[in-house]
C-alpha atoms as a PDB file:
ATOM      1  CA  MET A   1       0.000   0.000   0.000  1.00  0.00           C
ATOM      2  CA  ARG A   2       1.343   3.383  -0.919  1.00  0.00           C
ATOM      3  CA  GLN A   3       1.849   6.102   1.664  1.00  0.00           C
ATOM      4  CA  ASN A   4      -0.587   8.517   0.001  1.00  0.00           C
ATOM      5  CA  VAL A   5      -3.316   5.852   0.132  1.00  0.00           C
ATOM      6  CA  LEU A   6      -2.667   5.292   3.846  1.00  0.00           C
ATOM      7  CA  TYR A   7      -2.927   8.976   4.634  1.00  0.00           C
ATOM      8  CA  HIS A   8      -6.206   9.147   2.720  1.00  0.00           C
ATOM      9  CA  HIS A   9      -7.664   6.827   5.387  1.00  0.00           C
ATOM     10  CA  PHE A  10      -5.610   7.993   8.369  1.00  0.00           C
ATOM     11  CA  GLY A  11      -4.592  11.506   9.337  1.00  0.00           C
ATOM     12  CA  SER A  12      -1.267  10.591  10.936  1.00  0.00           C
ATOM     13  CA  LYS A  13       1.183   7.835  11.793  1.00  0.00           C
ATOM     14  CA  GLU A  14      -0.262   7.839  15.308  1.00  0.00           C
ATOM     15  CA  GLN A  15      -3.736   7.079  13.945  1.00  0.00           C
ATOM     16  CA  ILE A  16      -2.316   4.189  11.931  1.00  0.00           C
ATOM     17  CA  LEU A  17      -0.510   2.721  14.946  1.00  0.00           C
ATOM     18  CA  GLY A  18      -3.542   3.287  17.179  1.00  0.00           C
ATOM     19  CA  SER A  19      -5.785   1.465  14.721  1.00  0.00           C
ATOM     20  CA  LEU A  20      -3.322  -1.414  14.504  1.00  0.00           C
ATOM     21  CA  LEU A  21      -3.026  -1.705  18.294  1.00  0.00           C
ATOM     22  CA  GLU A  22      -6.799  -1.719  18.729  1.00  0.00           C
ATOM     23  CA  ALA A  23      -7.247  -4.199  15.869  1.00  0.00           C
ATOM     24  CA  LEU A  24      -4.732  -6.461  17.576  1.00  0.00           C
ATOM     25  CA  VAL A  25      -6.699  -6.635  20.836  1.00  0.00           C
ATOM     26  CA  ARG A  26     -10.300  -6.303  19.637  1.00  0.00           C
ATOM     27  CA  PRO A  27     -10.949  -9.911  18.460  1.00  0.00           C
ATOM     28  CA  ALA A  28      -9.755 -11.520  21.700  1.00  0.00           C
ATOM     29  CA  LEU A  29     -11.538  -8.927  23.827  1.00  0.00           C
ATOM     30  CA  GLU A  30     -14.797  -9.579  21.965  1.00  0.00           C
ATOM     31  CA  ALA A  31     -14.287 -13.327  22.436  1.00  0.00           C
ATOM     32  CA  ALA A  32     -13.561 -12.819  26.135  1.00  0.00           C
ATOM     33  CA  GLU A  33     -16.786 -10.859  26.566  1.00  0.00           C
ATOM     34  CA  VAL A  34     -18.790 -13.642  24.902  1.00  0.00           C
ATOM     35  CA  LEU A  35     -17.040 -16.277  27.028  1.00  0.00           C
ATOM     36  CA  ALA A  36     -17.593 -14.265  30.217  1.00  0.00           C
ATOM     37  CA  ASP A  37     -21.296 -15.043  29.839  1.00  0.00           C
ATOM     38  CA  VAL A  38     -20.619 -18.806  29.733  1.00  0.00           C
ATOM     39  CA  GLN A  39     -21.379 -20.649  32.955  1.00  0.00           C
ATOM     40  CA  ALA A  40     -18.223 -21.919  34.608  1.00  0.00           C
ATOM     41  CA  HIS A  41     -19.468 -23.560  37.801  1.00  0.00           C
ATOM     42  CA  THR A  42     -17.440 -26.753  37.421  1.00  0.00           C
ATOM     43  CA  GLU A  43     -13.721 -27.159  36.934  1.00  0.00           C
ATOM     44  CA  ASP A  44     -14.296 -28.604  33.455  1.00  0.00           C
ATOM     45  CA  GLN A  45     -16.451 -25.631  32.443  1.00  0.00           C
ATOM     46  CA  ALA A  46     -13.974 -23.112  33.833  1.00  0.00           C
ATOM     47  CA  ALA A  47     -11.052 -24.868  32.157  1.00  0.00           C
ATOM     48  CA  ALA A  48     -12.884 -25.067  28.816  1.00  0.00           C
ATOM     49  CA  ARG A  49     -13.594 -21.338  28.967  1.00  0.00           C
ATOM     50  CA  LEU A  50      -9.945 -20.466  29.692  1.00  0.00           C
ATOM     51  CA  TYR A  51      -8.726 -22.842  26.991  1.00  0.00           C
ATOM     52  CA  ALA A  52     -11.177 -21.379  24.450  1.00  0.00           C
ATOM     53  CA  LEU A  53     -10.049 -17.802  25.114  1.00  0.00           C
ATOM     54  CA  ALA A  54      -6.355 -18.678  25.030  1.00  0.00           C
ATOM     55  CA  TYR A  55      -6.698 -20.779  21.886  1.00  0.00           C
ATOM     56  CA  TYR A  56      -8.814 -18.167  20.100  1.00  0.00           C
ATOM     57  CA  ASP A  57      -6.450 -15.331  21.017  1.00  0.00           C
ATOM     58  CA  ALA A  58      -3.295 -17.280  20.154  1.00  0.00           C
ATOM     59  CA  ASN A  59      -4.790 -18.438  16.870  1.00  0.00           C
ATOM     60  CA  VAL A  60      -5.696 -14.878  15.836  1.00  0.00           C
ATOM     61  CA  LEU A  61      -2.198 -13.669  16.729  1.00  0.00           C
ATOM     62  CA  ALA A  62      -0.618 -16.617  14.921  1.00  0.00           C
ATOM     63  CA  THR A  63      -2.626 -16.459  11.722  1.00  0.00           C
ATOM     64  CA  TRP A  64      -3.190 -12.792  11.077  1.00  0.00           C
ATOM     65  CA  ARG A  65      -1.380 -11.593   7.978  1.00  0.00           C
ATOM     66  CA  TRP A  66       1.092  -9.482   9.964  1.00  0.00           C
ATOM     67  CA  ASN A  67       2.808 -10.206  13.253  1.00  0.00           C
ATOM     68  CA  LEU A  68       1.201  -7.260  15.022  1.00  0.00           C
ATOM     69  CA  GLY A  69       1.774  -8.760  18.455  1.00  0.00           C
ATOM     70  CA  VAL A  70       5.155  -7.064  18.506  1.00  0.00           C
ATOM     71  CA  LEU A  71       3.624  -3.582  18.272  1.00  0.00           C
ATOM     72  CA  PHE A  72       2.862  -3.201  21.985  1.00  0.00           C
ATOM     73  CA  ALA A  73       6.596  -3.603  22.666  1.00  0.00           C
ATOM     74  CA  LEU A  74       7.478  -0.567  20.563  1.00  0.00           C
ATOM     75  CA  PRO A  75       8.469   2.502  22.602  1.00  0.00           C
ATOM     76  CA  GLU A  76       6.154   4.600  20.415  1.00  0.00           C
ATOM     77  CA  ALA A  77       3.173   2.512  21.564  1.00  0.00           C
ATOM     78  CA  HIS A  78       3.484   3.802  25.133  1.00  0.00           C
ATOM     79  CA  SER A  79       2.312   7.330  24.362  1.00  0.00           C
ATOM     80  CA  ALA A  80      -0.920   8.577  25.944  1.00  0.00           C
ATOM     81  CA  VAL A  81      -2.302   8.832  22.408  1.00  0.00           C
ATOM     82  CA  PHE A  82      -2.737   5.059  22.516  1.00  0.00           C
ATOM     83  CA  ASP A  83      -4.592   4.906  25.838  1.00  0.00           C
ATOM     84  CA  PRO A  84      -7.751   3.461  24.209  1.00  0.00           C
ATOM     85  CA  ALA A  85      -5.768   0.459  22.951  1.00  0.00           C
ATOM     86  CA  HIS A  86      -4.061   0.073  26.323  1.00  0.00           C
ATOM     87  CA  ARG A  87      -7.435   0.140  28.094  1.00  0.00           C
ATOM     88  CA  MET A  88      -8.696  -2.589  25.766  1.00  0.00           C
ATOM     89  CA  ARG A  89      -5.576  -4.630  26.475  1.00  0.00           C
ATOM     90  CA  ALA A  90      -6.040  -4.146  30.238  1.00  0.00           C
ATOM     91  CA  GLN A  91      -9.646  -5.366  29.930  1.00  0.00           C
ATOM     92  CA  LEU A  92      -8.443  -8.464  28.080  1.00  0.00           C
ATOM     93  CA  ARG A  93      -5.744  -9.089  30.700  1.00  0.00           C
ATOM     94  CA  GLN A  94      -8.419  -8.812  33.405  1.00  0.00           C
ATOM     95  CA  ARG A  95     -10.563 -11.434  31.663  1.00  0.00           C
ATOM     96  CA  TYR A  96      -7.567 -13.777  31.517  1.00  0.00           C
ATOM     97  CA  LEU A  97      -7.065 -13.268  35.252  1.00  0.00           C
ATOM     98  CA  GLU A  98     -10.740 -13.950  35.970  1.00  0.00           C
ATOM     99  CA  PHE A  99     -10.821 -17.076  33.817  1.00  0.00           C
ATOM    100  CA  THR A 100      -7.545 -18.364  35.286  1.00  0.00           C
ATOM    101  CA  GLU A 101      -8.746 -17.688  38.837  1.00  0.00           C
ATOM    102  CA  SER A 102     -11.969 -19.541  38.040  1.00  0.00           C
ATOM    103  CA  VAL A 103      -9.980 -22.680  37.201  1.00  0.00           C
ATOM    104  CA  ALA A 104      -7.564 -22.212  40.099  1.00  0.00           C
ATOM    105  CA  ALA A 105     -10.469 -21.975  42.540  1.00  0.00           C
ATOM    106  CA  HIS A 106     -11.148 -25.637  41.722  1.00  0.00           C
ATOM    107  CA  THR A 107      -7.535 -26.819  41.545  1.00  0.00           C
ATOM    108  CA  GLY A 108      -6.263 -24.974  44.613  1.00  0.00           C
ATOM    109  CA  VAL A 109      -3.296 -23.478  42.782  1.00  0.00           C
ATOM    110  CA  ALA A 110      -2.144 -19.975  43.659  1.00  0.00           C
ATOM    111  CA  ILE A 111      -2.371 -17.674  40.649  1.00  0.00           C
ATOM    112  CA  VAL A 112       0.889 -16.289  39.337  1.00  0.00           C
ATOM    113  CA  ALA A 113      -0.106 -12.769  38.269  1.00  0.00           C
ATOM    114  CA  ASP A 114      -1.197 -12.481  34.651  1.00  0.00           C
ATOM    115  CA  HIS A 115       1.052 -15.209  33.279  1.00  0.00           C
ATOM    116  CA  SER A 116      -1.708 -16.835  31.194  1.00  0.00           C
ATOM    117  CA  PHE A 117      -2.194 -13.562  29.341  1.00  0.00           C
ATOM    118  CA  ARG A 118       1.547 -13.161  28.863  1.00  0.00           C
ATOM    119  CA  LEU A 119       1.947 -16.757  27.724  1.00  0.00           C
ATOM    120  CA  VAL A 120      -0.535 -16.203  24.908  1.00  0.00           C
ATOM    121  CA  GLU A 121       1.145 -12.922  23.975  1.00  0.00           C
ATOM    122  CA  SER A 122       4.370 -14.897  23.469  1.00  0.00           C
ATOM    123  CA  VAL A 123       2.939 -15.911  20.079  1.00  0.00           C
ATOM    124  CA  ALA A 124       4.480 -12.718  18.691  1.00  0.00           C
ATOM    125  CA  ALA A 125       7.992 -13.749  19.765  1.00  0.00           C
ATOM    126  CA  ILE A 126       7.463 -17.360  18.673  1.00  0.00           C
ATOM    127  CA  ARG A 127       6.295 -16.120  15.294  1.00  0.00           C
ATOM    128  CA  ALA A 128       9.152 -13.605  14.961  1.00  0.00           C
ATOM    129  CA  ASP A 129      11.644 -16.398  15.675  1.00  0.00           C
ATOM    130  CA  GLY A 130      10.129 -18.578  12.949  1.00  0.00           C
ATOM    131  CA  GLN A 131       9.121 -21.233  15.499  1.00  0.00           C
ATOM    132  CA  LEU A 132       5.355 -21.044  14.950  1.00  0.00           C
ATOM    133  CA  SER A 133       3.591 -24.315  14.176  1.00  0.00           C
ATOM    134  CA  ALA A 134      -0.034 -25.234  13.591  1.00  0.00           C
ATOM    135  CA  ASP A 135      -0.071 -26.648  17.141  1.00  0.00           C
ATOM    136  CA  THR A 136       1.194 -23.471  18.823  1.00  0.00           C
ATOM    137  CA  PRO A 137      -2.256 -22.083  19.791  1.00  0.00           C
ATOM    138  CA  HIS A 138      -3.234 -25.466  21.273  1.00  0.00           C
ATOM    139  CA  GLU A 139       0.065 -25.795  23.155  1.00  0.00           C
ATOM    140  CA  LEU A 140      -0.224 -22.282  24.599  1.00  0.00           C
ATOM    141  CA  ALA A 141      -3.848 -22.857  25.630  1.00  0.00           C
ATOM    142  CA  LEU A 142      -2.788 -26.063  27.402  1.00  0.00           C
ATOM    143  CA  GLY A 143      -0.010 -24.070  29.068  1.00  0.00           C
ATOM    144  CA  CYS A 144      -2.623 -21.654  30.426  1.00  0.00           C
ATOM    145  CA  LEU A 145      -4.506 -24.601  31.922  1.00  0.00           C
ATOM    146  CA  ARG A 146      -1.311 -25.853  33.554  1.00  0.00           C
ATOM    147  CA  LEU A 147      -0.660 -22.412  35.047  1.00  0.00           C
ATOM    148  CA  ALA A 148      -4.123 -22.644  36.608  1.00  0.00           C
ATOM    149  CA  GLY A 149      -3.371 -26.119  37.967  1.00  0.00           C
ATOM    150  CA  ARG A 150      -5.417 -28.154  35.491  1.00  0.00           C
ATOM    151  CA  LEU A 151      -3.179 -31.093  34.648  1.00  0.00           C
ATOM    152  CA  ASN A 152      -5.527 -33.968  33.831  1.00  0.00           C
ATOM    153  CA  LYS A 153      -8.573 -34.809  31.703  1.00  0.00           C
ATOM    154  CA  LEU A 154      -7.382 -32.321  29.116  1.00  0.00           C
ATOM    155  CA  THR A 155      -9.234 -34.129  26.328  1.00  0.00           C
ATOM    156  CA  THR A 156     -12.482 -33.459  28.189  1.00  0.00           C
ATOM    157  CA  VAL A 157     -11.584 -29.785  28.400  1.00  0.00           C
ATOM    158  CA  THR A 158     -10.591 -29.440  24.755  1.00  0.00           C
ATOM    159  CA  GLY A 159     -13.805 -31.186  23.720  1.00  0.00           C
ATOM    160  CA  GLN A 160     -15.921 -28.711  25.685  1.00  0.00           C
ATOM    161  CA  ALA A 161     -13.766 -25.833  24.476  1.00  0.00           C
ATOM    162  CA  SER A 162     -14.371 -26.910  20.883  1.00  0.00           C
ATOM    163  CA  THR A 163     -18.059 -26.178  21.362  1.00  0.00           C
ATOM    164  CA  LEU A 164     -17.226 -22.768  22.818  1.00  0.00           C
ATOM    165  CA  LEU A 165     -14.876 -22.013  19.934  1.00  0.00           C
ATOM    166  CA  LYS A 166     -17.651 -22.784  17.450  1.00  0.00           C
ATOM    167  CA  SER A 167     -19.797 -20.185  19.199  1.00  0.00           C
ATOM    168  CA  LEU A 168     -17.019 -17.645  18.594  1.00  0.00           C
ATOM    169  CA  SER A 169     -16.911 -18.301  14.854  1.00  0.00           C
ATOM    170  CA  ALA A 170     -19.565 -15.613  14.330  1.00  0.00           C
ATOM    171  CA  LEU A 171     -17.162 -12.937  15.590  1.00  0.00           C
ATOM    172  CA  SER A 172     -15.634 -10.736  12.953  1.00  0.00           C
ATOM    173  CA  ALA A 173     -12.110 -11.276  11.732  1.00  0.00           C
ATOM    174  CA  PRO A 174      -9.459  -8.756  12.776  1.00  0.00           C
ATOM    175  CA  GLU A 175      -9.726  -5.536  10.824  1.00  0.00           C
ATOM    176  CA  LEU A 176      -8.601  -1.955  11.001  1.00  0.00           C
ATOM    177  CA  ARG A 177     -11.215   0.642  11.894  1.00  0.00           C
END
């Protein structure tokens, strides 16, 4: 895309970066909001919900045309101009914490900060290093379950999560706004 075409749609470089940052977070945040309404009274239900969010998020980050996951690490991305994107990211991080705590309440494991969120965000580094495989989203989602103390009956969880993931298929694909 030529620069003059970009500036026809965006007034500045900051608007371009802001749109990219928001587009990066929006799909997972929308999925998290849908999943927040899913009942998670049992350990299996809670684990399926966490797995579904982690898998969905990791898959979007892994398969989007560009490796935008690296953008939040840029020094330029820490300007107050990008507060809307940072608020969205904080909301997503909070959902990860809630979903992880929901599983940990059943397993008795102490939560280690927002490590599930950070584990999924590692897709950007995995992708940048050329180590991404088709199984990466699944492996990271399983890692989130392990962080929450869920170590067994993972096939049961992934089966239930599959149903949840199908319910997310109606969500829009990542796009710039």
